Amino acid sequence: MSPTLIAALNRYLDSNGGDDGVLVTPVEGLFLMRSTGERLPHHVMYKPVLCITVQGAKQVLFGDKLFDYGEMQALVVSLELPGVGRVTRASESEPYLAIILPLDLGILREITAQLSPPPKPSGNARMGVFTMDVDGPLADCIDRMIQMLGTPQATPILFPAIMREISYWLLTGEGADEICKLVSPNGRTQRISEAISLLHDDVARPIRIEQLADTARMSPSSFYQHFKLLTSLTPIQYQKQLRLLAARRLMVEDGANVTGAAYRVGYESVSQFSREYARMFGTPPKRDIAELQTVSA
């Protein structure tokens, strides 16, 4: 536990509303979170990101793989993945505190090119998600980053340098052999990411495995195997979750009705859409959206 980081986070959160929930910061993609109680599972699309728990504990499910991480630990996600997260330890006296920091692949590539010798990807084929401790120089960087947010005029000047420093410690620390896979131009993680981008470009478009495999420069059987390994989902399962998350967003943010949302994300049958929606989110779409809108209000 880092008392100075906890104090800095609470001070910044209190000065910007002080409520439970996720706070958007002036730095694009950087979010802070506080929760004074355990939370129900929440579906979200993760991008390449460093999710740091400063106080409390959290649990995230990707496919059939469950990750738990507590104080001063981070969940590292190396590609866009649908996941279900929930806060598992939080209270009024010791709220859950977290930092969600996007990984800048451009900076990671620059740092990798300057390291001698550069980090080598691990030879172990594994999922594109892992947990790591946040300590030493990396923890110091995170602490200074949050302190920096308290001086708005310093943020645009200092954040790029702090992000470079964070990237350096990530590429030279305990998870370097996995972090460097994000920026290896011909690595499997990068090639699978390119295929995933194709799915995101148009969620409604039917895409064949052969087309995805061609984008990843793999045979269909090799692509299927490595996609499942990296994401813990088959390509069809991934696309289904992607479509359902997109439909939920259309209904909540754009006011689309169930039928309109189903067709816009590629479903031909509204009844099938409703069944799969209820299976994923635990309740039929109309009821789910009504509950979400009540919570937002």
C-alpha atoms as a PDB file:
ATOM      1  CA  MET A   1       0.000   0.000   0.000  1.00  0.00           C
ATOM      2  CA  SER A   2       1.227   3.525  -0.834  1.00  0.00           C
ATOM      3  CA  PRO A   3      -0.092   6.097   1.686  1.00  0.00           C
ATOM      4  CA  THR A   4       1.095   9.058  -0.402  1.00  0.00           C
ATOM      5  CA  LEU A   5      -0.593   7.728  -3.543  1.00  0.00           C
ATOM      6  CA  ILE A   6      -3.819   6.990  -1.652  1.00  0.00           C
ATOM      7  CA  ALA A   7      -3.796  10.505  -0.210  1.00  0.00           C
ATOM      8  CA  ALA A   8      -3.124  12.071  -3.622  1.00  0.00           C
ATOM      9  CA  LEU A   9      -5.919  10.065  -5.264  1.00  0.00           C
ATOM     10  CA  ASN A  10      -8.470  10.917  -2.562  1.00  0.00           C
ATOM     11  CA  ARG A  11      -7.451  14.570  -2.644  1.00  0.00           C
ATOM     12  CA  TYR A  12      -7.881  14.782  -6.418  1.00  0.00           C
ATOM     13  CA  LEU A  13     -11.171  12.837  -6.396  1.00  0.00           C
ATOM     14  CA  ASP A  14     -12.567  14.988  -3.570  1.00  0.00           C
ATOM     15  CA  SER A  15     -11.670  18.187  -5.415  1.00  0.00           C
ATOM     16  CA  ASN A  16     -13.469  16.912  -8.541  1.00  0.00           C
ATOM     17  CA  GLY A  17     -16.819  15.873  -7.138  1.00  0.00           C
ATOM     18  CA  GLY A  18     -15.903  13.245  -4.573  1.00  0.00           C
ATOM     19  CA  ASP A  19     -18.550  10.753  -5.673  1.00  0.00           C
ATOM     20  CA  ASP A  20     -18.223   7.032  -6.210  1.00  0.00           C
ATOM     21  CA  GLY A  21     -17.622   6.002  -9.796  1.00  0.00           C
ATOM     22  CA  VAL A  22     -15.202   6.694 -12.622  1.00  0.00           C
ATOM     23  CA  LEU A  23     -13.679  10.147 -13.023  1.00  0.00           C
ATOM     24  CA  VAL A  24     -12.483  11.370 -16.414  1.00  0.00           C
ATOM     25  CA  THR A  25      -9.211  13.304 -16.118  1.00  0.00           C
ATOM     26  CA  PRO A  26      -7.783  15.992 -18.444  1.00  0.00           C
ATOM     27  CA  VAL A  27      -5.396  13.342 -19.831  1.00  0.00           C
ATOM     28  CA  GLU A  28      -7.062  11.439 -22.676  1.00  0.00           C
ATOM     29  CA  GLY A  29      -7.787   7.854 -21.690  1.00  0.00           C
ATOM     30  CA  LEU A  30      -6.650   8.282 -18.066  1.00  0.00           C
ATOM     31  CA  PHE A  31      -9.440   7.493 -15.603  1.00  0.00           C
ATOM     32  CA  LEU A  32      -9.584   7.325 -11.818  1.00  0.00           C
ATOM     33  CA  MET A  33     -12.073   5.245  -9.869  1.00  0.00           C
ATOM     34  CA  ARG A  34     -13.337   5.154  -6.308  1.00  0.00           C
ATOM     35  CA  SER A  35     -15.947   2.841  -4.812  1.00  0.00           C
ATOM     36  CA  THR A  36     -17.020   2.700  -1.173  1.00  0.00           C
ATOM     37  CA  GLY A  37     -18.707  -0.675  -1.641  1.00  0.00           C
ATOM     38  CA  GLU A  38     -18.401  -3.870  -3.604  1.00  0.00           C
ATOM     39  CA  ARG A  39     -19.907  -3.619  -7.081  1.00  0.00           C
ATOM     40  CA  LEU A  40     -21.952  -5.898  -9.263  1.00  0.00           C
ATOM     41  CA  PRO A  41     -20.278  -7.325 -12.388  1.00  0.00           C
ATOM     42  CA  HIS A  42     -19.828  -4.694 -15.095  1.00  0.00           C
ATOM     43  CA  HIS A  43     -19.319  -5.485 -18.802  1.00  0.00           C
ATOM     44  CA  VAL A  44     -16.748  -3.371 -20.605  1.00  0.00           C
ATOM     45  CA  MET A  45     -14.509  -3.475 -23.666  1.00  0.00           C
ATOM     46  CA  TYR A  46     -10.914  -3.215 -22.472  1.00  0.00           C
ATOM     47  CA  LYS A  47      -8.287  -1.636 -24.714  1.00  0.00           C
ATOM     48  CA  PRO A  48      -4.517  -2.032 -24.256  1.00  0.00           C
ATOM     49  CA  VAL A  49      -4.369  -0.713 -20.726  1.00  0.00           C
ATOM     50  CA  LEU A  50      -2.769  -0.813 -17.301  1.00  0.00           C
ATOM     51  CA  CYS A  51      -5.475  -1.138 -14.616  1.00  0.00           C
ATOM     52  CA  ILE A  52      -3.870  -0.419 -11.237  1.00  0.00           C
ATOM     53  CA  THR A  53      -5.585  -1.204  -7.942  1.00  0.00           C
ATOM     54  CA  VAL A  54      -4.220   1.179  -5.313  1.00  0.00           C
ATOM     55  CA  GLN A  55      -6.548   0.137  -2.494  1.00  0.00           C
ATOM     56  CA  GLY A  56      -9.085  -2.698  -2.228  1.00  0.00           C
ATOM     57  CA  ALA A  57      -9.384  -5.504  -4.762  1.00  0.00           C
ATOM     58  CA  LYS A  58     -10.976  -6.271  -8.115  1.00  0.00           C
ATOM     59  CA  GLN A  59     -11.791  -9.293 -10.241  1.00  0.00           C
ATOM     60  CA  VAL A  60     -12.116  -9.426 -14.036  1.00  0.00           C
ATOM     61  CA  LEU A  61     -13.382 -12.294 -16.171  1.00  0.00           C
ATOM     62  CA  PHE A  62     -12.222 -12.651 -19.783  1.00  0.00           C
ATOM     63  CA  GLY A  63     -13.941 -15.582 -21.473  1.00  0.00           C
ATOM     64  CA  ASP A  64     -13.367 -18.418 -19.010  1.00  0.00           C
ATOM     65  CA  LYS A  65     -10.253 -16.895 -17.392  1.00  0.00           C
ATOM     66  CA  LEU A  66     -10.588 -15.085 -14.051  1.00  0.00           C
ATOM     67  CA  PHE A  67      -8.034 -12.536 -12.811  1.00  0.00           C
ATOM     68  CA  ASP A  68      -7.882 -11.225  -9.235  1.00  0.00           C
ATOM     69  CA  TYR A  69      -5.648  -8.322  -8.308  1.00  0.00           C
ATOM     70  CA  GLY A  70      -5.313  -6.319  -5.112  1.00  0.00           C
ATOM     71  CA  GLU A  71      -3.413  -3.398  -3.632  1.00  0.00           C
ATOM     72  CA  MET A  72      -0.527  -2.118  -5.739  1.00  0.00           C
ATOM     73  CA  GLN A  73      -1.084  -4.721  -8.404  1.00  0.00           C
ATOM     74  CA  ALA A  74      -2.023  -4.117 -12.024  1.00  0.00           C
ATOM     75  CA  LEU A  75      -3.989  -5.942 -14.653  1.00  0.00           C
ATOM     76  CA  VAL A  76      -2.230  -5.573 -18.008  1.00  0.00           C
ATOM     77  CA  VAL A  77      -4.443  -6.012 -21.083  1.00  0.00           C
ATOM     78  CA  SER A  78      -2.526  -6.189 -24.351  1.00  0.00           C
ATOM     79  CA  LEU A  79      -5.381  -6.082 -26.891  1.00  0.00           C
ATOM     80  CA  GLU A  80      -9.038  -5.096 -27.130  1.00  0.00           C
ATOM     81  CA  LEU A  81     -10.992  -7.606 -25.073  1.00  0.00           C
ATOM     82  CA  PRO A  82     -14.544  -7.777 -23.717  1.00  0.00           C
ATOM     83  CA  GLY A  83     -14.440  -8.456 -19.995  1.00  0.00           C
ATOM     84  CA  VAL A  84     -16.624  -8.493 -16.895  1.00  0.00           C
ATOM     85  CA  GLY A  85     -15.153  -6.678 -13.901  1.00  0.00           C
ATOM     86  CA  ARG A  86     -16.317  -6.258 -10.337  1.00  0.00           C
ATOM     87  CA  VAL A  87     -14.943  -4.659  -7.190  1.00  0.00           C
ATOM     88  CA  THR A  88     -14.485  -7.391  -4.580  1.00  0.00           C
ATOM     89  CA  ARG A  89     -13.105  -5.420  -1.622  1.00  0.00           C
ATOM     90  CA  ALA A  90     -14.177  -1.900  -0.691  1.00  0.00           C
ATOM     91  CA  SER A  91     -15.663  -0.069   2.280  1.00  0.00           C
ATOM     92  CA  GLU A  92     -16.480   3.436   3.513  1.00  0.00           C
ATOM     93  CA  SER A  93     -13.281   3.523   5.572  1.00  0.00           C
ATOM     94  CA  GLU A  94     -11.083   1.962   2.864  1.00  0.00           C
ATOM     95  CA  PRO A  95     -12.705   2.561  -0.541  1.00  0.00           C
ATOM     96  CA  TYR A  96     -11.564   0.810  -3.666  1.00  0.00           C
ATOM     97  CA  LEU A  97      -9.184   3.141  -5.521  1.00  0.00           C
ATOM     98  CA  ALA A  98      -7.949   2.504  -9.040  1.00  0.00           C
ATOM     99  CA  ILE A  99      -6.089   4.098 -11.930  1.00  0.00           C
ATOM    100  CA  ILE A 100      -6.857   3.139 -15.529  1.00  0.00           C
ATOM    101  CA  LEU A 101      -3.929   4.139 -17.719  1.00  0.00           C
ATOM    102  CA  PRO A 102      -3.923   3.454 -21.492  1.00  0.00           C
ATOM    103  CA  LEU A 103      -0.773   1.916 -22.884  1.00  0.00           C
ATOM    104  CA  ASP A 104       0.769   4.153 -25.544  1.00  0.00           C
ATOM    105  CA  LEU A 105       2.026   1.708 -28.170  1.00  0.00           C
ATOM    106  CA  GLY A 106       3.918   4.440 -30.004  1.00  0.00           C
ATOM    107  CA  ILE A 107       5.973   5.318 -26.917  1.00  0.00           C
ATOM    108  CA  LEU A 108       6.489   1.640 -26.113  1.00  0.00           C
ATOM    109  CA  ARG A 109       7.905   1.125 -29.626  1.00  0.00           C
ATOM    110  CA  GLU A 110      10.248   4.107 -29.243  1.00  0.00           C
ATOM    111  CA  ILE A 111      11.550   2.909 -25.879  1.00  0.00           C
ATOM    112  CA  THR A 112      11.972  -0.651 -27.153  1.00  0.00           C
ATOM    113  CA  ALA A 113      14.081   0.610 -30.078  1.00  0.00           C
ATOM    114  CA  GLN A 114      16.366   2.496 -27.689  1.00  0.00           C
ATOM    115  CA  LEU A 115      16.949  -0.362 -25.246  1.00  0.00           C
ATOM    116  CA  SER A 116      20.128  -2.353 -25.634  1.00  0.00           C
ATOM    117  CA  PRO A 117      19.548  -5.198 -25.584  1.00  0.00           C
ATOM    118  CA  PRO A 118      15.799  -4.900 -26.229  1.00  0.00           C
ATOM    119  CA  PRO A 119      13.457  -7.085 -24.171  1.00  0.00           C
ATOM    120  CA  LYS A 120      12.742 -10.480 -25.672  1.00  0.00           C
ATOM    121  CA  PRO A 121       9.194 -11.851 -25.850  1.00  0.00           C
ATOM    122  CA  SER A 122       8.655 -14.883 -23.665  1.00  0.00           C
ATOM    123  CA  GLY A 123       8.567 -18.154 -25.547  1.00  0.00           C
ATOM    124  CA  ASN A 124       5.462 -19.208 -23.635  1.00  0.00           C
ATOM    125  CA  ALA A 125       2.215 -18.926 -25.570  1.00  0.00           C
ATOM    126  CA  ARG A 126      -0.295 -17.396 -23.161  1.00  0.00           C
ATOM    127  CA  MET A 127      -3.328 -15.168 -22.924  1.00  0.00           C
ATOM    128  CA  GLY A 128      -2.867 -11.469 -23.702  1.00  0.00           C
ATOM    129  CA  VAL A 129      -3.745 -10.543 -20.108  1.00  0.00           C
ATOM    130  CA  PHE A 130      -1.669 -10.857 -16.960  1.00  0.00           C
ATOM    131  CA  THR A 131      -1.238  -9.329 -13.508  1.00  0.00           C
ATOM    132  CA  MET A 132       1.907  -7.777 -12.053  1.00  0.00           C
ATOM    133  CA  ASP A 133       3.089  -5.957  -8.945  1.00  0.00           C
ATOM    134  CA  VAL A 134       3.414  -2.174  -9.055  1.00  0.00           C
ATOM    135  CA  ASP A 135       6.383  -1.262  -6.909  1.00  0.00           C
ATOM    136  CA  GLY A 136       9.797   0.412  -6.950  1.00  0.00           C
ATOM    137  CA  PRO A 137      10.422   3.042  -9.672  1.00  0.00           C
ATOM    138  CA  LEU A 138       7.157   2.223 -11.462  1.00  0.00           C
ATOM    139  CA  ALA A 139       5.135   2.963  -8.318  1.00  0.00           C
ATOM    140  CA  ASP A 140       7.076   6.228  -7.884  1.00  0.00           C
ATOM    141  CA  CYS A 141       6.124   7.255 -11.450  1.00  0.00           C
ATOM    142  CA  ILE A 142       2.452   6.506 -10.849  1.00  0.00           C
ATOM    143  CA  ASP A 143       2.577   8.524  -7.619  1.00  0.00           C
ATOM    144  CA  ARG A 144       4.114  11.540  -9.413  1.00  0.00           C
ATOM    145  CA  MET A 145       1.552  11.255 -12.215  1.00  0.00           C
ATOM    146  CA  ILE A 146      -1.356  11.601  -9.767  1.00  0.00           C
ATOM    147  CA  GLN A 147       0.401  14.440  -7.918  1.00  0.00           C
ATOM    148  CA  MET A 148       0.821  16.158 -11.301  1.00  0.00           C
ATOM    149  CA  LEU A 149      -2.944  16.106 -11.945  1.00  0.00           C
ATOM    150  CA  GLY A 150      -3.360  18.500  -9.029  1.00  0.00           C
ATOM    151  CA  THR A 151      -1.512  21.175 -11.043  1.00  0.00           C
ATOM    152  CA  PRO A 152      -3.535  21.478 -14.270  1.00  0.00           C
ATOM    153  CA  GLN A 153      -1.065  23.759 -16.055  1.00  0.00           C
ATOM    154  CA  ALA A 154       1.712  21.198 -15.515  1.00  0.00           C
ATOM    155  CA  THR A 155      -0.203  18.245 -16.920  1.00  0.00           C
ATOM    156  CA  PRO A 156       0.226  18.788 -20.703  1.00  0.00           C
ATOM    157  CA  ILE A 157       3.912  19.571 -20.187  1.00  0.00           C
ATOM    158  CA  LEU A 158       4.880  16.786 -17.784  1.00  0.00           C
ATOM    159  CA  PHE A 159       2.585  13.901 -18.699  1.00  0.00           C
ATOM    160  CA  PRO A 160       4.413  12.862 -21.925  1.00  0.00           C
ATOM    161  CA  ALA A 161       7.681  12.567 -19.990  1.00  0.00           C
ATOM    162  CA  ILE A 162       6.065  10.593 -17.167  1.00  0.00           C
ATOM    163  CA  MET A 163       4.438   8.282 -19.717  1.00  0.00           C
ATOM    164  CA  ARG A 164       7.830   7.611 -21.277  1.00  0.00           C
ATOM    165  CA  GLU A 165       9.246   6.827 -17.860  1.00  0.00           C
ATOM    166  CA  ILE A 166       6.360   4.477 -17.060  1.00  0.00           C
ATOM    167  CA  SER A 167       6.893   2.744 -20.412  1.00  0.00           C
ATOM    168  CA  TYR A 168      10.598   2.323 -19.647  1.00  0.00           C
ATOM    169  CA  TRP A 169       9.956   0.610 -16.316  1.00  0.00           C
ATOM    170  CA  LEU A 170       7.308  -1.609 -17.892  1.00  0.00           C
ATOM    171  CA  LEU A 171       9.784  -2.706 -20.570  1.00  0.00           C
ATOM    172  CA  THR A 172      12.555  -3.390 -18.072  1.00  0.00           C
ATOM    173  CA  GLY A 173      10.498  -4.824 -15.216  1.00  0.00           C
ATOM    174  CA  GLU A 174       8.994  -8.190 -14.323  1.00  0.00           C
ATOM    175  CA  GLY A 175       6.451  -8.155 -17.165  1.00  0.00           C
ATOM    176  CA  ALA A 176       8.806  -6.934 -19.883  1.00  0.00           C
ATOM    177  CA  ASP A 177       8.733 -10.245 -21.776  1.00  0.00           C
ATOM    178  CA  GLU A 178       4.956  -9.881 -22.137  1.00  0.00           C
ATOM    179  CA  ILE A 179       4.761  -6.093 -22.553  1.00  0.00           C
ATOM    180  CA  CYS A 180       7.145  -6.177 -25.517  1.00  0.00           C
ATOM    181  CA  LYS A 181       4.764  -8.509 -27.376  1.00  0.00           C
ATOM    182  CA  LEU A 182       2.442  -5.513 -27.836  1.00  0.00           C
ATOM    183  CA  VAL A 183       4.924  -3.774 -30.108  1.00  0.00           C
ATOM    184  CA  SER A 184       6.633  -6.664 -31.868  1.00  0.00           C
ATOM    185  CA  PRO A 185       5.637  -5.929 -35.519  1.00  0.00           C
ATOM    186  CA  ASN A 186       5.431  -9.568 -36.584  1.00  0.00           C
ATOM    187  CA  GLY A 187       4.439 -11.041 -33.250  1.00  0.00           C
ATOM    188  CA  ARG A 188       1.242 -13.022 -32.791  1.00  0.00           C
ATOM    189  CA  THR A 189      -0.272 -10.432 -30.424  1.00  0.00           C
ATOM    190  CA  GLN A 190       0.138  -7.659 -32.993  1.00  0.00           C
ATOM    191  CA  ARG A 191      -1.234  -9.779 -35.847  1.00  0.00           C
ATOM    192  CA  ILE A 192      -4.251 -10.947 -33.837  1.00  0.00           C
ATOM    193  CA  SER A 193      -4.838  -7.294 -32.876  1.00  0.00           C
ATOM    194  CA  GLU A 194      -5.042  -6.403 -36.568  1.00  0.00           C
ATOM    195  CA  ALA A 195      -7.736  -9.041 -37.075  1.00  0.00           C
ATOM    196  CA  ILE A 196      -9.618  -7.756 -34.010  1.00  0.00           C
ATOM    197  CA  SER A 197      -9.524  -4.246 -35.503  1.00  0.00           C
ATOM    198  CA  LEU A 198     -11.297  -5.662 -38.545  1.00  0.00           C
ATOM    199  CA  LEU A 199     -14.107  -6.912 -36.298  1.00  0.00           C
ATOM    200  CA  HIS A 200     -14.391  -3.484 -34.651  1.00  0.00           C
ATOM    201  CA  ASP A 201     -14.434  -1.578 -37.947  1.00  0.00           C
ATOM    202  CA  ASP A 202     -17.959  -2.796 -38.726  1.00  0.00           C
ATOM    203  CA  VAL A 203     -19.604  -4.913 -36.030  1.00  0.00           C
ATOM    204  CA  ALA A 204     -22.578  -5.705 -38.265  1.00  0.00           C
ATOM    205  CA  ARG A 205     -20.546  -7.156 -41.122  1.00  0.00           C
ATOM    206  CA  PRO A 206     -20.375 -10.959 -41.326  1.00  0.00           C
ATOM    207  CA  ILE A 207     -16.724 -11.955 -41.357  1.00  0.00           C
ATOM    208  CA  ARG A 208     -15.348 -15.366 -42.223  1.00  0.00           C
ATOM    209  CA  ILE A 209     -12.519 -16.972 -40.268  1.00  0.00           C
ATOM    210  CA  GLU A 210     -10.511 -17.138 -43.510  1.00  0.00           C
ATOM    211  CA  GLN A 211     -10.713 -13.355 -43.879  1.00  0.00           C
ATOM    212  CA  LEU A 212      -9.566 -12.772 -40.292  1.00  0.00           C
ATOM    213  CA  ALA A 213      -6.781 -15.320 -40.692  1.00  0.00           C
ATOM    214  CA  ASP A 214      -5.603 -13.618 -43.868  1.00  0.00           C
ATOM    215  CA  THR A 215      -5.457 -10.269 -42.035  1.00  0.00           C
ATOM    216  CA  ALA A 216      -3.368 -11.911 -39.291  1.00  0.00           C
ATOM    217  CA  ARG A 217      -1.168 -13.606 -41.901  1.00  0.00           C
ATOM    218  CA  MET A 218      -1.920 -17.064 -40.516  1.00  0.00           C
ATOM    219  CA  SER A 219      -3.607 -20.218 -41.691  1.00  0.00           C
ATOM    220  CA  PRO A 220      -7.241 -20.506 -40.519  1.00  0.00           C
ATOM    221  CA  SER A 221      -6.421 -23.319 -38.072  1.00  0.00           C
ATOM    222  CA  SER A 222      -3.402 -21.472 -36.621  1.00  0.00           C
ATOM    223  CA  PHE A 223      -5.391 -18.239 -36.378  1.00  0.00           C
ATOM    224  CA  TYR A 224      -8.266 -19.941 -34.541  1.00  0.00           C
ATOM    225  CA  GLN A 225      -5.863 -21.575 -32.088  1.00  0.00           C
ATOM    226  CA  HIS A 226      -3.915 -18.405 -31.305  1.00  0.00           C
ATOM    227  CA  PHE A 227      -7.025 -16.196 -31.162  1.00  0.00           C
ATOM    228  CA  LYS A 228      -8.569 -18.514 -28.560  1.00  0.00           C
ATOM    229  CA  LEU A 229      -5.323 -18.612 -26.594  1.00  0.00           C
ATOM    230  CA  LEU A 230      -4.873 -14.826 -26.536  1.00  0.00           C
ATOM    231  CA  THR A 231      -8.487 -13.864 -25.846  1.00  0.00           C
ATOM    232  CA  SER A 232      -9.977 -16.943 -24.134  1.00  0.00           C
ATOM    233  CA  LEU A 233     -12.787 -16.631 -26.719  1.00  0.00           C
ATOM    234  CA  THR A 234     -13.406 -18.057 -30.160  1.00  0.00           C
ATOM    235  CA  PRO A 235     -13.704 -15.442 -32.953  1.00  0.00           C
ATOM    236  CA  ILE A 236     -17.487 -16.052 -33.058  1.00  0.00           C
ATOM    237  CA  GLN A 237     -17.807 -15.593 -29.280  1.00  0.00           C
ATOM    238  CA  TYR A 238     -15.726 -12.417 -29.487  1.00  0.00           C
ATOM    239  CA  GLN A 239     -17.867 -10.949 -32.264  1.00  0.00           C
ATOM    240  CA  LYS A 240     -21.059 -11.844 -30.408  1.00  0.00           C
ATOM    241  CA  GLN A 241     -19.920 -10.023 -27.251  1.00  0.00           C
ATOM    242  CA  LEU A 242     -18.707  -7.091 -29.344  1.00  0.00           C
ATOM    243  CA  ARG A 243     -22.114  -6.808 -31.030  1.00  0.00           C
ATOM    244  CA  LEU A 244     -24.049  -7.050 -27.772  1.00  0.00           C
ATOM    245  CA  LEU A 245     -21.899  -4.385 -26.115  1.00  0.00           C
ATOM    246  CA  ALA A 246     -22.367  -2.141 -29.159  1.00  0.00           C
ATOM    247  CA  ALA A 247     -26.140  -2.687 -29.070  1.00  0.00           C
ATOM    248  CA  ARG A 248     -26.258  -1.848 -25.381  1.00  0.00           C
ATOM    249  CA  ARG A 249     -24.367   1.371 -26.059  1.00  0.00           C
ATOM    250  CA  LEU A 250     -26.766   2.277 -28.894  1.00  0.00           C
ATOM    251  CA  MET A 251     -29.770   1.819 -26.612  1.00  0.00           C
ATOM    252  CA  VAL A 252     -28.283   3.716 -23.654  1.00  0.00           C
ATOM    253  CA  GLU A 253     -26.506   6.558 -25.452  1.00  0.00           C
ATOM    254  CA  ASP A 254     -28.461   6.958 -28.704  1.00  0.00           C
ATOM    255  CA  GLY A 255     -31.921   5.952 -27.511  1.00  0.00           C
ATOM    256  CA  ALA A 256     -32.244   3.146 -30.065  1.00  0.00           C
ATOM    257  CA  ASN A 257     -35.037   0.649 -29.453  1.00  0.00           C
ATOM    258  CA  VAL A 258     -34.400  -3.089 -29.162  1.00  0.00           C
ATOM    259  CA  THR A 259     -35.284  -3.875 -32.779  1.00  0.00           C
ATOM    260  CA  GLY A 260     -33.226  -1.022 -34.203  1.00  0.00           C
ATOM    261  CA  ALA A 261     -30.178  -1.877 -32.075  1.00  0.00           C
ATOM    262  CA  ALA A 262     -30.378  -5.564 -33.013  1.00  0.00           C
ATOM    263  CA  TYR A 263     -30.412  -4.865 -36.748  1.00  0.00           C
ATOM    264  CA  ARG A 264     -27.725  -2.181 -36.562  1.00  0.00           C
ATOM    265  CA  VAL A 265     -25.215  -4.574 -34.969  1.00  0.00           C
ATOM    266  CA  GLY A 266     -25.870  -7.358 -37.462  1.00  0.00           C
ATOM    267  CA  TYR A 267     -28.643  -9.531 -36.007  1.00  0.00           C
ATOM    268  CA  GLU A 268     -31.303 -10.795 -38.396  1.00  0.00           C
ATOM    269  CA  SER A 269     -33.551 -12.106 -35.617  1.00  0.00           C
ATOM    270  CA  VAL A 270     -34.692  -9.834 -32.773  1.00  0.00           C
ATOM    271  CA  SER A 271     -35.733 -12.814 -30.677  1.00  0.00           C
ATOM    272  CA  GLN A 272     -32.264 -14.357 -31.008  1.00  0.00           C
ATOM    273  CA  PHE A 273     -30.748 -10.997 -30.106  1.00  0.00           C
ATOM    274  CA  SER A 274     -32.915 -10.755 -26.975  1.00  0.00           C
ATOM    275  CA  ARG A 275     -32.031 -14.292 -25.884  1.00  0.00           C
ATOM    276  CA  GLU A 276     -28.297 -13.751 -26.307  1.00  0.00           C
ATOM    277  CA  TYR A 277     -28.500 -10.318 -24.685  1.00  0.00           C
ATOM    278  CA  ALA A 278     -30.241 -11.741 -21.620  1.00  0.00           C
ATOM    279  CA  ARG A 279     -27.701 -14.567 -21.440  1.00  0.00           C
ATOM    280  CA  MET A 280     -24.792 -12.094 -21.442  1.00  0.00           C
ATOM    281  CA  PHE A 281     -26.179  -9.307 -19.251  1.00  0.00           C
ATOM    282  CA  GLY A 282     -28.490 -11.365 -17.035  1.00  0.00           C
ATOM    283  CA  THR A 283     -31.715  -9.588 -17.982  1.00  0.00           C
ATOM    284  CA  PRO A 284     -33.724  -8.819 -21.188  1.00  0.00           C
ATOM    285  CA  PRO A 285     -32.663  -5.691 -23.087  1.00  0.00           C
ATOM    286  CA  LYS A 286     -35.665  -3.468 -22.254  1.00  0.00           C
ATOM    287  CA  ARG A 287     -35.379  -4.135 -18.529  1.00  0.00           C
ATOM    288  CA  ASP A 288     -31.590  -3.818 -18.569  1.00  0.00           C
ATOM    289  CA  ILE A 289     -31.654  -0.444 -20.333  1.00  0.00           C
ATOM    290  CA  ALA A 290     -34.391   0.860 -18.002  1.00  0.00           C
ATOM    291  CA  GLU A 291     -32.280  -0.107 -14.981  1.00  0.00           C
ATOM    292  CA  LEU A 292     -29.156   1.486 -16.464  1.00  0.00           C
ATOM    293  CA  GLN A 293     -31.008   4.711 -17.204  1.00  0.00           C
ATOM    294  CA  THR A 294     -32.393   4.778 -13.661  1.00  0.00           C
ATOM    295  CA  VAL A 295     -28.897   4.390 -12.242  1.00  0.00           C
ATOM    296  CA  SER A 296     -27.550   7.128 -14.541  1.00  0.00           C
ATOM    297  CA  ALA A 297     -30.351   9.482 -13.539  1.00  0.00           C
END
